[in-house]
Amino acid sequence: MCGMGRTGKMHAWQWEGLTSPPDIQLNGKGLAGGYAPLAAVLISDKVANVFFNGSRAFINGYTYQLHAVGCRAALEVLKVMKDESLVEQCNQRGLFLEKTLKMQLDDHPHVGDIR
């Protein structure tokens, strides 16, 4: 899971107590904030080395990859996220929402697990 800050951490897997990022991570719509179509695959050195040290049969490219507009949109989105502390804001608002929902609905017969 990625999340792009929407879970209160930059990457949703960071809530799982992992000591290092997953070997493969996909970042989609949130990366460029919807301003331009862009997705990315992040891979660990371990995975990258399999490709680079192997036959290189899967090292390929596409005519529509690395589009400058999408990449620029992503850079600006990441800058705004950092400058305006949006990940921390998501975390604080998430804690507030969880507290409020538990106060209002914790004993409701049709509500199960608030988390």
N, C-alpha and C. Protein backbone atom coordinates (compact mmCIF):
# COMPACT_ATOMS: atom_id res chain seq x y z
N MET A 1 0.83 -1.18 0.00
CA MET A 1 0.00 0.00 0.00
C MET A 1 0.87 1.24 0.00
N CYS A 2 0.41 2.22 -0.69
CA CYS A 2 1.18 3.46 -0.77
C CYS A 2 0.57 4.51 0.15
N GLY A 3 -0.53 5.10 -0.26
CA GLY A 3 -1.21 6.10 0.56
C GLY A 3 -0.85 7.53 0.23
N MET A 4 0.38 7.78 -0.14
CA MET A 4 0.86 9.14 -0.45
C MET A 4 0.43 10.14 0.62
N GLY A 5 0.59 9.76 1.87
CA GLY A 5 0.32 10.67 2.98
C GLY A 5 -1.10 10.64 3.51
N ARG A 6 -2.02 10.01 2.80
CA ARG A 6 -3.43 10.06 3.21
C ARG A 6 -3.70 9.27 4.48
N THR A 7 -2.78 8.40 4.89
CA THR A 7 -2.99 7.61 6.10
C THR A 7 -2.34 8.24 7.32
N GLY A 8 -1.67 9.38 7.14
CA GLY A 8 -0.96 10.02 8.24
C GLY A 8 0.52 9.72 8.23
N LYS A 9 0.95 8.88 7.35
CA LYS A 9 2.37 8.62 7.07
C LYS A 9 2.51 8.65 5.56
N MET A 10 3.71 8.91 5.07
CA MET A 10 3.89 9.03 3.63
C MET A 10 3.49 7.75 2.90
N HIS A 11 3.81 6.60 3.49
CA HIS A 11 3.48 5.31 2.89
C HIS A 11 2.69 4.49 3.91
N ALA A 12 1.61 3.89 3.49
CA ALA A 12 0.75 3.15 4.41
C ALA A 12 1.49 2.00 5.09
N TRP A 13 2.47 1.41 4.41
CA TRP A 13 3.21 0.30 5.01
C TRP A 13 3.99 0.74 6.25
N GLN A 14 4.23 2.02 6.42
CA GLN A 14 4.98 2.50 7.58
C GLN A 14 4.22 2.28 8.89
N TRP A 15 2.93 2.06 8.82
CA TRP A 15 2.15 1.75 10.02
C TRP A 15 2.35 0.32 10.47
N GLU A 16 2.94 -0.51 9.64
CA GLU A 16 3.07 -1.94 9.93
C GLU A 16 4.30 -2.30 10.74
N GLY A 17 5.12 -1.33 11.10
CA GLY A 17 6.30 -1.60 11.91
C GLY A 17 7.44 -2.24 11.15
N LEU A 18 7.44 -2.13 9.84
CA LEU A 18 8.53 -2.68 9.04
C LEU A 18 9.80 -1.87 9.26
N THR A 19 10.94 -2.52 9.21
CA THR A 19 12.21 -1.81 9.40
C THR A 19 12.77 -1.29 8.09
N SER A 20 12.23 -1.75 6.99
CA SER A 20 12.66 -1.25 5.68
C SER A 20 11.47 -1.29 4.73
N PRO A 21 11.54 -0.52 3.65
CA PRO A 21 10.43 -0.51 2.69
C PRO A 21 10.23 -1.88 2.05
N PRO A 22 9.04 -2.13 1.51
CA PRO A 22 8.83 -3.39 0.79
C PRO A 22 9.70 -3.44 -0.47
N ASP A 23 9.91 -4.64 -0.98
CA ASP A 23 10.74 -4.81 -2.18
C ASP A 23 10.12 -4.14 -3.40
N ILE A 24 8.79 -4.13 -3.47
CA ILE A 24 8.10 -3.52 -4.60
C ILE A 24 6.96 -2.67 -4.06
N GLN A 25 6.87 -1.44 -4.54
CA GLN A 25 5.80 -0.55 -4.12
C GLN A 25 5.28 0.19 -5.34
N LEU A 26 3.98 0.29 -5.44
CA LEU A 26 3.35 1.01 -6.55
C LEU A 26 2.80 2.33 -6.05
N ASN A 27 3.08 3.38 -6.76
CA ASN A 27 2.51 4.70 -6.48
C ASN A 27 1.71 5.12 -7.69
N GLY A 28 0.47 5.47 -7.48
CA GLY A 28 -0.38 5.81 -8.61
C GLY A 28 -0.87 7.23 -8.57
N LYS A 29 -2.17 7.38 -8.59
CA LYS A 29 -2.81 8.68 -8.76
C LYS A 29 -2.32 9.76 -7.80
N GLY A 30 -2.09 9.40 -6.56
CA GLY A 30 -1.69 10.39 -5.58
C GLY A 30 -0.34 11.02 -5.85
N LEU A 31 0.48 10.37 -6.61
CA LEU A 31 1.83 10.86 -6.87
C LEU A 31 1.82 12.23 -7.54
N ALA A 32 0.97 12.43 -8.50
CA ALA A 32 0.88 13.72 -9.19
C ALA A 32 -0.38 14.48 -8.78
N GLY A 33 -1.05 14.02 -7.75
CA GLY A 33 -2.20 14.74 -7.20
C GLY A 33 -3.37 14.90 -8.15
N GLY A 34 -3.44 14.09 -9.19
CA GLY A 34 -4.52 14.20 -10.16
C GLY A 34 -4.31 15.30 -11.19
N TYR A 35 -3.21 16.01 -11.12
CA TYR A 35 -2.93 17.08 -12.09
C TYR A 35 -2.44 16.54 -13.42
N ALA A 36 -1.85 15.37 -13.40
CA ALA A 36 -1.36 14.72 -14.62
C ALA A 36 -1.32 13.22 -14.36
N PRO A 37 -1.56 12.42 -15.38
CA PRO A 37 -1.49 10.98 -15.18
C PRO A 37 -0.04 10.54 -14.94
N LEU A 38 0.17 9.84 -13.83
CA LEU A 38 1.51 9.38 -13.51
C LEU A 38 1.42 8.24 -12.52
N ALA A 39 2.24 7.27 -12.69
CA ALA A 39 2.39 6.18 -11.74
C ALA A 39 3.86 5.81 -11.69
N ALA A 40 4.25 5.16 -10.62
CA ALA A 40 5.65 4.75 -10.49
C ALA A 40 5.72 3.41 -9.78
N VAL A 41 6.74 2.66 -10.10
CA VAL A 41 7.04 1.42 -9.41
C VAL A 41 8.37 1.63 -8.69
N LEU A 42 8.36 1.52 -7.38
CA LEU A 42 9.58 1.66 -6.60
C LEU A 42 10.06 0.25 -6.25
N ILE A 43 11.33 -0.01 -6.48
CA ILE A 43 11.87 -1.34 -6.18
C ILE A 43 13.13 -1.21 -5.33
N SER A 44 13.34 -2.22 -4.52
CA SER A 44 14.53 -2.25 -3.67
C SER A 44 15.76 -2.58 -4.51
N ASP A 45 16.92 -2.35 -3.94
CA ASP A 45 18.17 -2.73 -4.62
C ASP A 45 18.19 -4.22 -4.91
N LYS A 46 17.64 -5.00 -3.99
CA LYS A 46 17.60 -6.46 -4.17
C LYS A 46 16.87 -6.83 -5.46
N VAL A 47 15.72 -6.22 -5.68
CA VAL A 47 14.94 -6.50 -6.89
C VAL A 47 15.63 -5.92 -8.12
N ALA A 48 16.13 -4.70 -8.01
CA ALA A 48 16.81 -4.07 -9.15
C ALA A 48 18.00 -4.89 -9.61
N ASN A 49 18.75 -5.43 -8.66
CA ASN A 49 19.93 -6.22 -9.02
C ASN A 49 19.57 -7.48 -9.78
N VAL A 50 18.41 -8.05 -9.52
CA VAL A 50 17.97 -9.23 -10.28
C VAL A 50 17.82 -8.86 -11.75
N PHE A 51 17.24 -7.69 -12.01
CA PHE A 51 17.08 -7.24 -13.40
C PHE A 51 18.41 -6.87 -14.04
N PHE A 52 19.20 -6.08 -13.34
CA PHE A 52 20.44 -5.57 -13.93
C PHE A 52 21.54 -6.62 -14.06
N ASN A 53 21.56 -7.58 -13.16
CA ASN A 53 22.60 -8.60 -13.19
C ASN A 53 22.19 -9.85 -13.95
N GLY A 54 20.96 -9.90 -14.40
CA GLY A 54 20.47 -11.06 -15.15
C GLY A 54 20.66 -10.88 -16.64
N SER A 55 19.75 -11.44 -17.40
CA SER A 55 19.85 -11.40 -18.86
C SER A 55 19.50 -10.03 -19.43
N ARG A 56 18.89 -9.18 -18.61
CA ARG A 56 18.42 -7.85 -19.01
C ARG A 56 17.28 -7.93 -20.02
N ALA A 57 16.65 -9.10 -20.11
CA ALA A 57 15.54 -9.29 -21.05
C ALA A 57 14.34 -8.42 -20.68
N PHE A 58 14.22 -8.05 -19.41
CA PHE A 58 13.07 -7.27 -18.98
C PHE A 58 13.39 -5.80 -18.79
N ILE A 59 14.54 -5.36 -19.24
CA ILE A 59 14.88 -3.94 -19.19
C ILE A 59 14.34 -3.32 -20.48
N ASN A 60 13.20 -2.69 -20.36
CA ASN A 60 12.59 -2.11 -21.56
C ASN A 60 12.03 -0.73 -21.24
N GLY A 61 11.53 -0.08 -22.22
CA GLY A 61 10.97 1.24 -22.04
C GLY A 61 9.77 1.43 -22.95
N TYR A 62 9.07 2.50 -22.71
CA TYR A 62 7.87 2.81 -23.47
C TYR A 62 7.95 4.25 -23.96
N THR A 63 7.28 4.53 -25.02
CA THR A 63 7.31 5.89 -25.57
C THR A 63 6.61 6.90 -24.67
N TYR A 64 5.74 6.43 -23.78
CA TYR A 64 4.99 7.36 -22.94
C TYR A 64 5.49 7.37 -21.50
N GLN A 65 6.66 6.83 -21.24
CA GLN A 65 7.18 6.87 -19.87
C GLN A 65 7.99 8.14 -19.63
N LEU A 66 8.16 8.49 -18.39
CA LEU A 66 8.93 9.67 -17.98
C LEU A 66 8.43 10.96 -18.63
N HIS A 67 7.13 11.09 -18.76
CA HIS A 67 6.57 12.29 -19.37
C HIS A 67 6.89 13.50 -18.49
N ALA A 68 7.45 14.53 -19.08
CA ALA A 68 7.93 15.69 -18.33
C ALA A 68 6.82 16.38 -17.55
N VAL A 69 5.63 16.47 -18.11
CA VAL A 69 4.53 17.15 -17.41
C VAL A 69 4.13 16.37 -16.16
N GLY A 70 3.98 15.06 -16.29
CA GLY A 70 3.63 14.24 -15.14
C GLY A 70 4.70 14.28 -14.06
N CYS A 71 5.96 14.21 -14.47
CA CYS A 71 7.06 14.25 -13.51
C CYS A 71 7.11 15.60 -12.80
N ARG A 72 6.89 16.68 -13.53
CA ARG A 72 6.89 18.01 -12.92
C ARG A 72 5.73 18.15 -11.94
N ALA A 73 4.57 17.63 -12.33
CA ALA A 73 3.41 17.68 -11.44
C ALA A 73 3.72 16.94 -10.14
N ALA A 74 4.35 15.79 -10.24
CA ALA A 74 4.70 15.02 -9.05
C ALA A 74 5.67 15.79 -8.16
N LEU A 75 6.66 16.42 -8.75
CA LEU A 75 7.61 17.21 -7.96
C LEU A 75 6.91 18.34 -7.22
N GLU A 76 5.99 19.01 -7.89
CA GLU A 76 5.26 20.11 -7.25
C GLU A 76 4.34 19.61 -6.15
N VAL A 77 3.66 18.48 -6.40
CA VAL A 77 2.78 17.90 -5.38
C VAL A 77 3.60 17.54 -4.14
N LEU A 78 4.73 16.89 -4.33
CA LEU A 78 5.58 16.51 -3.20
C LEU A 78 6.10 17.75 -2.46
N LYS A 79 6.41 18.81 -3.18
CA LYS A 79 6.87 20.05 -2.56
C LYS A 79 5.77 20.66 -1.69
N VAL A 80 4.56 20.73 -2.22
CA VAL A 80 3.44 21.28 -1.45
C VAL A 80 3.17 20.41 -0.22
N MET A 81 3.20 19.10 -0.41
CA MET A 81 2.98 18.20 0.73
C MET A 81 3.98 18.48 1.85
N LYS A 82 5.22 18.70 1.48
CA LYS A 82 6.26 18.98 2.48
C LYS A 82 6.10 20.38 3.06
N ASP A 83 5.98 21.38 2.21
CA ASP A 83 5.91 22.78 2.66
C ASP A 83 4.71 23.04 3.57
N GLU A 84 3.61 22.38 3.30
CA GLU A 84 2.38 22.62 4.08
C GLU A 84 2.12 21.53 5.12
N SER A 85 3.10 20.66 5.34
CA SER A 85 2.99 19.59 6.35
C SER A 85 1.70 18.80 6.20
N LEU A 86 1.35 18.46 4.97
CA LEU A 86 0.07 17.80 4.72
C LEU A 86 0.00 16.40 5.31
N VAL A 87 1.11 15.68 5.35
CA VAL A 87 1.08 14.33 5.93
C VAL A 87 0.78 14.41 7.42
N GLU A 88 1.43 15.33 8.11
CA GLU A 88 1.17 15.51 9.54
C GLU A 88 -0.27 15.98 9.77
N GLN A 89 -0.78 16.86 8.91
CA GLN A 89 -2.17 17.28 9.03
C GLN A 89 -3.12 16.09 8.88
N CYS A 90 -2.83 15.22 7.93
CA CYS A 90 -3.66 14.02 7.74
C CYS A 90 -3.63 13.15 8.99
N ASN A 91 -2.45 13.02 9.58
CA ASN A 91 -2.32 12.22 10.79
C ASN A 91 -3.16 12.82 11.92
N GLN A 92 -3.04 14.12 12.14
CA GLN A 92 -3.79 14.78 13.22
C GLN A 92 -5.30 14.72 12.97
N ARG A 93 -5.72 14.95 11.76
CA ARG A 93 -7.15 14.89 11.45
C ARG A 93 -7.68 13.47 11.55
N GLY A 94 -6.85 12.50 11.19
CA GLY A 94 -7.25 11.11 11.33
C GLY A 94 -7.46 10.72 12.79
N LEU A 95 -6.56 11.18 13.66
CA LEU A 95 -6.70 10.91 15.09
C LEU A 95 -7.97 11.56 15.64
N PHE A 96 -8.24 12.79 15.21
CA PHE A 96 -9.46 13.49 15.63
C PHE A 96 -10.71 12.75 15.15
N LEU A 97 -10.70 12.33 13.88
CA LEU A 97 -11.85 11.61 13.33
C LEU A 97 -12.08 10.30 14.07
N GLU A 98 -11.00 9.56 14.33
CA GLU A 98 -11.14 8.29 15.05
C GLU A 98 -11.73 8.52 16.44
N LYS A 99 -11.22 9.51 17.16
CA LYS A 99 -11.73 9.83 18.50
C LYS A 99 -13.21 10.21 18.44
N THR A 100 -13.57 11.05 17.49
CA THR A 100 -14.96 11.51 17.36
C THR A 100 -15.89 10.35 17.01
N LEU A 101 -15.48 9.53 16.06
CA LEU A 101 -16.32 8.38 15.67
C LEU A 101 -16.51 7.42 16.83
N LYS A 102 -15.45 7.19 17.60
CA LYS A 102 -15.57 6.28 18.75
C LYS A 102 -16.50 6.86 19.80
N MET A 103 -16.41 8.17 20.04
CA MET A 103 -17.30 8.80 21.02
C MET A 103 -18.76 8.68 20.58
N GLN A 104 -19.02 8.86 19.29
CA GLN A 104 -20.39 8.91 18.80
C GLN A 104 -20.97 7.53 18.48
N LEU A 105 -20.13 6.61 18.02
CA LEU A 105 -20.66 5.37 17.46
C LEU A 105 -20.15 4.08 18.09
N ASP A 106 -19.29 4.16 19.09
CA ASP A 106 -18.68 2.95 19.64
C ASP A 106 -19.70 1.96 20.17
N ASP A 107 -20.80 2.44 20.72
CA ASP A 107 -21.82 1.55 21.28
C ASP A 107 -22.98 1.28 20.33
N HIS A 108 -22.89 1.78 19.11
CA HIS A 108 -23.97 1.60 18.14
C HIS A 108 -24.03 0.13 17.72
N PRO A 109 -25.23 -0.47 17.68
CA PRO A 109 -25.34 -1.90 17.36
C PRO A 109 -24.95 -2.25 15.92
N HIS A 110 -24.96 -1.29 15.02
CA HIS A 110 -24.65 -1.58 13.62
C HIS A 110 -23.23 -1.18 13.22
N VAL A 111 -22.43 -0.75 14.19
CA VAL A 111 -21.05 -0.35 13.90
C VAL A 111 -20.12 -1.39 14.52
N GLY A 112 -19.21 -1.87 13.70
CA GLY A 112 -18.28 -2.90 14.17
C GLY A 112 -16.99 -2.33 14.71
N ASP A 113 -15.99 -2.28 13.88
CA ASP A 113 -14.64 -1.93 14.30
C ASP A 113 -14.26 -0.55 13.76
N ILE A 114 -14.14 0.41 14.65
CA ILE A 114 -13.70 1.75 14.24
C ILE A 114 -12.19 1.80 14.39
N ARG A 115 -11.51 2.03 13.27
CA ARG A 115 -10.05 2.09 13.32
C ARG A 115 -9.52 3.01 12.27
